[in-house]
Amino acid sequence: MNLSVIEKKRLRKKILIIDDCISSVQLISNILEYNDCDTSMAFDGEDSIPFLYNQKFDLVILDWKMPQLGGRDTLLAMDHLLSRNQFRRISKPIPYLIFTGTNEEDLDIPECDHFSYHGLLHKNWSLPSLLKTFNAVIRTL
């Protein structure tokens, strides 16, 4: 079966990348776009909130330590806004990955109604490890 360009575009996973490090965002975006994903980029937690309020994403990749609004506070703010948004109902929680240099046991990951934690990507991992992890996560979406 041949899919049209529009159908292929519609089937692509939509991923929001939130990180204050431009090179990290560009690296992740390039990896994901190579794997037929559409990416949106925000360089701070505050910048990400309008994206999540107005668009549907299949996955959020979130830096945990950002100077303006860190990952934990970003999740809580987005969860609160989505709870109050009567025009946009979410049928299932949005999966998110934390992209950080911090160890998982040192993170205070909050419980959210609209987001589900799907793991940690450590910033010190090698490129092959990142590729393998992203490929595995994308297949589950």
C-alpha atoms as a PDB file:
ATOM      1  CA  MET A   1       0.000   0.000   0.000  1.00  0.00           C
ATOM      2  CA  ASN A   2       1.398   3.397  -1.008  1.00  0.00           C
ATOM      3  CA  LEU A   3       0.693   6.271   1.326  1.00  0.00           C
ATOM      4  CA  SER A   4       0.422   9.819   0.066  1.00  0.00           C
ATOM      5  CA  VAL A   5       2.811  12.476   1.336  1.00  0.00           C
ATOM      6  CA  ILE A   6       0.000  13.957   3.429  1.00  0.00           C
ATOM      7  CA  GLU A   7      -0.815  10.573   4.996  1.00  0.00           C
ATOM      8  CA  LYS A   8       2.865   9.949   5.780  1.00  0.00           C
ATOM      9  CA  LYS A   9       3.148  13.394   7.370  1.00  0.00           C
ATOM     10  CA  ARG A  10       0.042  12.712   9.487  1.00  0.00           C
ATOM     11  CA  LEU A  11       1.517   9.426  10.762  1.00  0.00           C
ATOM     12  CA  ARG A  12       4.791  11.012  11.869  1.00  0.00           C
ATOM     13  CA  LYS A  13       5.217  11.315  15.637  1.00  0.00           C
ATOM     14  CA  LYS A  14       5.163  14.870  16.987  1.00  0.00           C
ATOM     15  CA  ILE A  15       7.743  15.515  19.691  1.00  0.00           C
ATOM     16  CA  LEU A  16       8.416  18.579  21.833  1.00  0.00           C
ATOM     17  CA  ILE A  17      12.012  19.081  22.974  1.00  0.00           C
ATOM     18  CA  ILE A  18      12.539  21.405  25.953  1.00  0.00           C
ATOM     19  CA  ASP A  19      16.138  22.245  26.864  1.00  0.00           C
ATOM     20  CA  ASP A  20      18.058  25.449  27.509  1.00  0.00           C
ATOM     21  CA  CYS A  21      21.116  24.085  25.674  1.00  0.00           C
ATOM     22  CA  ILE A  22      20.706  24.854  21.966  1.00  0.00           C
ATOM     23  CA  SER A  23      23.206  22.184  20.881  1.00  0.00           C
ATOM     24  CA  SER A  24      21.298  19.506  22.852  1.00  0.00           C
ATOM     25  CA  VAL A  25      18.019  20.530  21.250  1.00  0.00           C
ATOM     26  CA  GLN A  26      19.575  20.496  17.776  1.00  0.00           C
ATOM     27  CA  LEU A  27      21.159  17.068  18.345  1.00  0.00           C
ATOM     28  CA  ILE A  28      17.919  15.525  19.596  1.00  0.00           C
ATOM     29  CA  SER A  29      15.920  17.185  16.831  1.00  0.00           C
ATOM     30  CA  ASN A  30      18.274  15.860  14.144  1.00  0.00           C
ATOM     31  CA  ILE A  31      18.117  12.326  15.561  1.00  0.00           C
ATOM     32  CA  LEU A  32      14.332  12.389  15.748  1.00  0.00           C
ATOM     33  CA  GLU A  33      13.803  13.966  12.333  1.00  0.00           C
ATOM     34  CA  TYR A  34      16.080  11.297  10.852  1.00  0.00           C
ATOM     35  CA  ASN A  35      13.672   8.794  12.436  1.00  0.00           C
ATOM     36  CA  ASP A  36      10.657  10.399  10.703  1.00  0.00           C
ATOM     37  CA  CYS A  37       9.459  12.491  13.631  1.00  0.00           C
ATOM     38  CA  ASP A  38       8.341  16.113  13.593  1.00  0.00           C
ATOM     39  CA  THR A  39       9.944  18.183  16.318  1.00  0.00           C
ATOM     40  CA  SER A  40       9.120  21.459  18.016  1.00  0.00           C
ATOM     41  CA  MET A  41      11.695  23.178  20.193  1.00  0.00           C
ATOM     42  CA  ALA A  42      11.468  25.267  23.343  1.00  0.00           C
ATOM     43  CA  PHE A  43      14.546  26.604  25.094  1.00  0.00           C
ATOM     44  CA  ASP A  44      12.991  27.053  28.530  1.00  0.00           C
ATOM     45  CA  GLY A  45      10.137  25.616  30.507  1.00  0.00           C
ATOM     46  CA  GLU A  46       8.148  28.843  30.209  1.00  0.00           C
ATOM     47  CA  ASP A  47       8.545  28.811  26.412  1.00  0.00           C
ATOM     48  CA  SER A  48       7.177  25.258  26.237  1.00  0.00           C
ATOM     49  CA  ILE A  49       3.842  25.938  27.893  1.00  0.00           C
ATOM     50  CA  PRO A  50       2.147  27.583  24.856  1.00  0.00           C
ATOM     51  CA  PHE A  51       3.281  24.660  22.680  1.00  0.00           C
ATOM     52  CA  LEU A  52       1.678  22.101  24.984  1.00  0.00           C
ATOM     53  CA  TYR A  53      -1.421  24.164  25.531  1.00  0.00           C
ATOM     54  CA  ASN A  54      -2.116  24.582  21.815  1.00  0.00           C
ATOM     55  CA  GLN A  55      -0.733  21.442  20.157  1.00  0.00           C
ATOM     56  CA  LYS A  56      -0.906  17.687  20.581  1.00  0.00           C
ATOM     57  CA  PHE A  57       2.405  15.876  21.119  1.00  0.00           C
ATOM     58  CA  ASP A  58       3.195  12.173  21.150  1.00  0.00           C
ATOM     59  CA  LEU A  59       6.259  12.680  23.371  1.00  0.00           C
ATOM     60  CA  VAL A  60       7.959  15.412  25.394  1.00  0.00           C
ATOM     61  CA  ILE A  61      11.711  15.381  25.992  1.00  0.00           C
ATOM     62  CA  LEU A  62      12.451  17.576  28.970  1.00  0.00           C
ATOM     63  CA  ASP A  63      15.670  18.908  30.440  1.00  0.00           C
ATOM     64  CA  TRP A  64      15.367  18.770  34.216  1.00  0.00           C
ATOM     65  CA  LYS A  65      17.690  21.641  35.118  1.00  0.00           C
ATOM     66  CA  MET A  66      16.925  24.898  33.333  1.00  0.00           C
ATOM     67  CA  PRO A  67      17.568  28.408  34.664  1.00  0.00           C
ATOM     68  CA  GLN A  68      14.101  29.973  34.292  1.00  0.00           C
ATOM     69  CA  LEU A  69      11.661  27.136  34.898  1.00  0.00           C
ATOM     70  CA  GLY A  70      13.111  23.688  35.581  1.00  0.00           C
ATOM     71  CA  GLY A  71      11.693  20.390  34.397  1.00  0.00           C
ATOM     72  CA  ARG A  72       9.727  19.566  37.541  1.00  0.00           C
ATOM     73  CA  ASP A  73       8.071  22.996  37.665  1.00  0.00           C
ATOM     74  CA  THR A  74       7.420  22.889  33.917  1.00  0.00           C
ATOM     75  CA  LEU A  75       5.597  19.552  34.263  1.00  0.00           C
ATOM     76  CA  LEU A  76       3.513  20.808  37.159  1.00  0.00           C
ATOM     77  CA  ALA A  77       2.616  24.050  35.352  1.00  0.00           C
ATOM     78  CA  MET A  78       1.669  22.231  32.141  1.00  0.00           C
ATOM     79  CA  ASP A  79      -0.346  19.622  34.035  1.00  0.00           C
ATOM     80  CA  HIS A  80      -2.227  22.361  35.870  1.00  0.00           C
ATOM     81  CA  LEU A  81      -2.981  24.260  32.647  1.00  0.00           C
ATOM     82  CA  LEU A  82      -4.164  21.141  30.838  1.00  0.00           C
ATOM     83  CA  SER A  83      -6.425  20.328  33.792  1.00  0.00           C
ATOM     84  CA  ARG A  84      -8.029  23.766  33.457  1.00  0.00           C
ATOM     85  CA  ASN A  85      -8.312  23.709  29.636  1.00  0.00           C
ATOM     86  CA  GLN A  86     -11.927  22.783  28.930  1.00  0.00           C
ATOM     87  CA  PHE A  87     -11.460  22.948  25.151  1.00  0.00           C
ATOM     88  CA  ARG A  88      -8.753  20.320  24.910  1.00  0.00           C
ATOM     89  CA  ARG A  89      -9.353  16.930  26.425  1.00  0.00           C
ATOM     90  CA  ILE A  90      -6.452  14.501  26.618  1.00  0.00           C
ATOM     91  CA  SER A  91      -7.478  10.875  26.227  1.00  0.00           C
ATOM     92  CA  LYS A  92      -4.243   9.458  27.629  1.00  0.00           C
ATOM     93  CA  PRO A  93      -1.240  10.944  29.429  1.00  0.00           C
ATOM     94  CA  ILE A  94       1.532  12.386  27.267  1.00  0.00           C
ATOM     95  CA  PRO A  95       4.730  10.352  27.681  1.00  0.00           C
ATOM     96  CA  TYR A  96       7.870  12.252  28.619  1.00  0.00           C
ATOM     97  CA  LEU A  97      11.564  11.513  28.891  1.00  0.00           C
ATOM     98  CA  ILE A  98      13.859  13.453  31.169  1.00  0.00           C
ATOM     99  CA  PHE A  99      17.113  14.500  29.455  1.00  0.00           C
ATOM    100  CA  THR A 100      19.595  15.483  32.156  1.00  0.00           C
ATOM    101  CA  GLY A 101      23.011  15.020  33.665  1.00  0.00           C
ATOM    102  CA  THR A 102      21.413  14.187  37.029  1.00  0.00           C
ATOM    103  CA  ASN A 103      21.030  10.615  38.259  1.00  0.00           C
ATOM    104  CA  GLU A 104      17.477   9.269  38.328  1.00  0.00           C
ATOM    105  CA  GLU A 105      17.476   8.655  42.080  1.00  0.00           C
ATOM    106  CA  ASP A 106      18.261  12.362  42.622  1.00  0.00           C
ATOM    107  CA  LEU A 107      15.178  13.547  40.704  1.00  0.00           C
ATOM    108  CA  ASP A 108      11.955  14.519  42.435  1.00  0.00           C
ATOM    109  CA  ILE A 109       9.520  13.383  39.732  1.00  0.00           C
ATOM    110  CA  PRO A 110       5.980  14.599  40.416  1.00  0.00           C
ATOM    111  CA  GLU A 111       2.749  12.689  39.876  1.00  0.00           C
ATOM    112  CA  CYS A 112       0.815  14.233  36.996  1.00  0.00           C
ATOM    113  CA  ASP A 113      -2.603  13.521  35.527  1.00  0.00           C
ATOM    114  CA  HIS A 114      -1.667  14.460  31.957  1.00  0.00           C
ATOM    115  CA  PHE A 115       1.929  13.211  31.702  1.00  0.00           C
ATOM    116  CA  SER A 116       3.555   9.814  32.193  1.00  0.00           C
ATOM    117  CA  TYR A 117       7.223   9.318  32.950  1.00  0.00           C
ATOM    118  CA  HIS A 118       8.932   7.007  30.429  1.00  0.00           C
ATOM    119  CA  GLY A 119      12.520   7.166  31.577  1.00  0.00           C
ATOM    120  CA  LEU A 120      15.736   9.088  31.757  1.00  0.00           C
ATOM    121  CA  LEU A 121      18.193   9.957  29.018  1.00  0.00           C
ATOM    122  CA  HIS A 122      21.508  10.879  30.550  1.00  0.00           C
ATOM    123  CA  LYS A 123      23.345  13.741  28.832  1.00  0.00           C
ATOM    124  CA  ASN A 124      26.650  11.917  29.272  1.00  0.00           C
ATOM    125  CA  TRP A 125      25.557   8.891  27.223  1.00  0.00           C
ATOM    126  CA  SER A 126      27.266   8.161  23.953  1.00  0.00           C
ATOM    127  CA  LEU A 127      25.579   8.979  20.650  1.00  0.00           C
ATOM    128  CA  PRO A 128      24.938   5.274  19.869  1.00  0.00           C
ATOM    129  CA  SER A 129      23.231   4.879  23.267  1.00  0.00           C
ATOM    130  CA  LEU A 130      21.032   7.913  22.605  1.00  0.00           C
ATOM    131  CA  LEU A 131      20.106   6.607  19.150  1.00  0.00           C
ATOM    132  CA  LYS A 132      19.211   3.199  20.538  1.00  0.00           C
ATOM    133  CA  THR A 133      17.086   4.693  23.324  1.00  0.00           C
ATOM    134  CA  PHE A 134      15.257   7.123  21.034  1.00  0.00           C
ATOM    135  CA  ASN A 135      14.537   4.356  18.511  1.00  0.00           C
ATOM    136  CA  ALA A 136      13.133   2.109  21.258  1.00  0.00           C
ATOM    137  CA  VAL A 137      10.917   4.862  22.673  1.00  0.00           C
ATOM    138  CA  ILE A 138       9.630   5.962  19.263  1.00  0.00           C
ATOM    139  CA  ARG A 139       8.550   2.405  18.455  1.00  0.00           C
ATOM    140  CA  THR A 140       6.369   2.337  21.584  1.00  0.00           C
ATOM    141  CA  LEU A 141       4.465   5.545  20.750  1.00  0.00           C
END
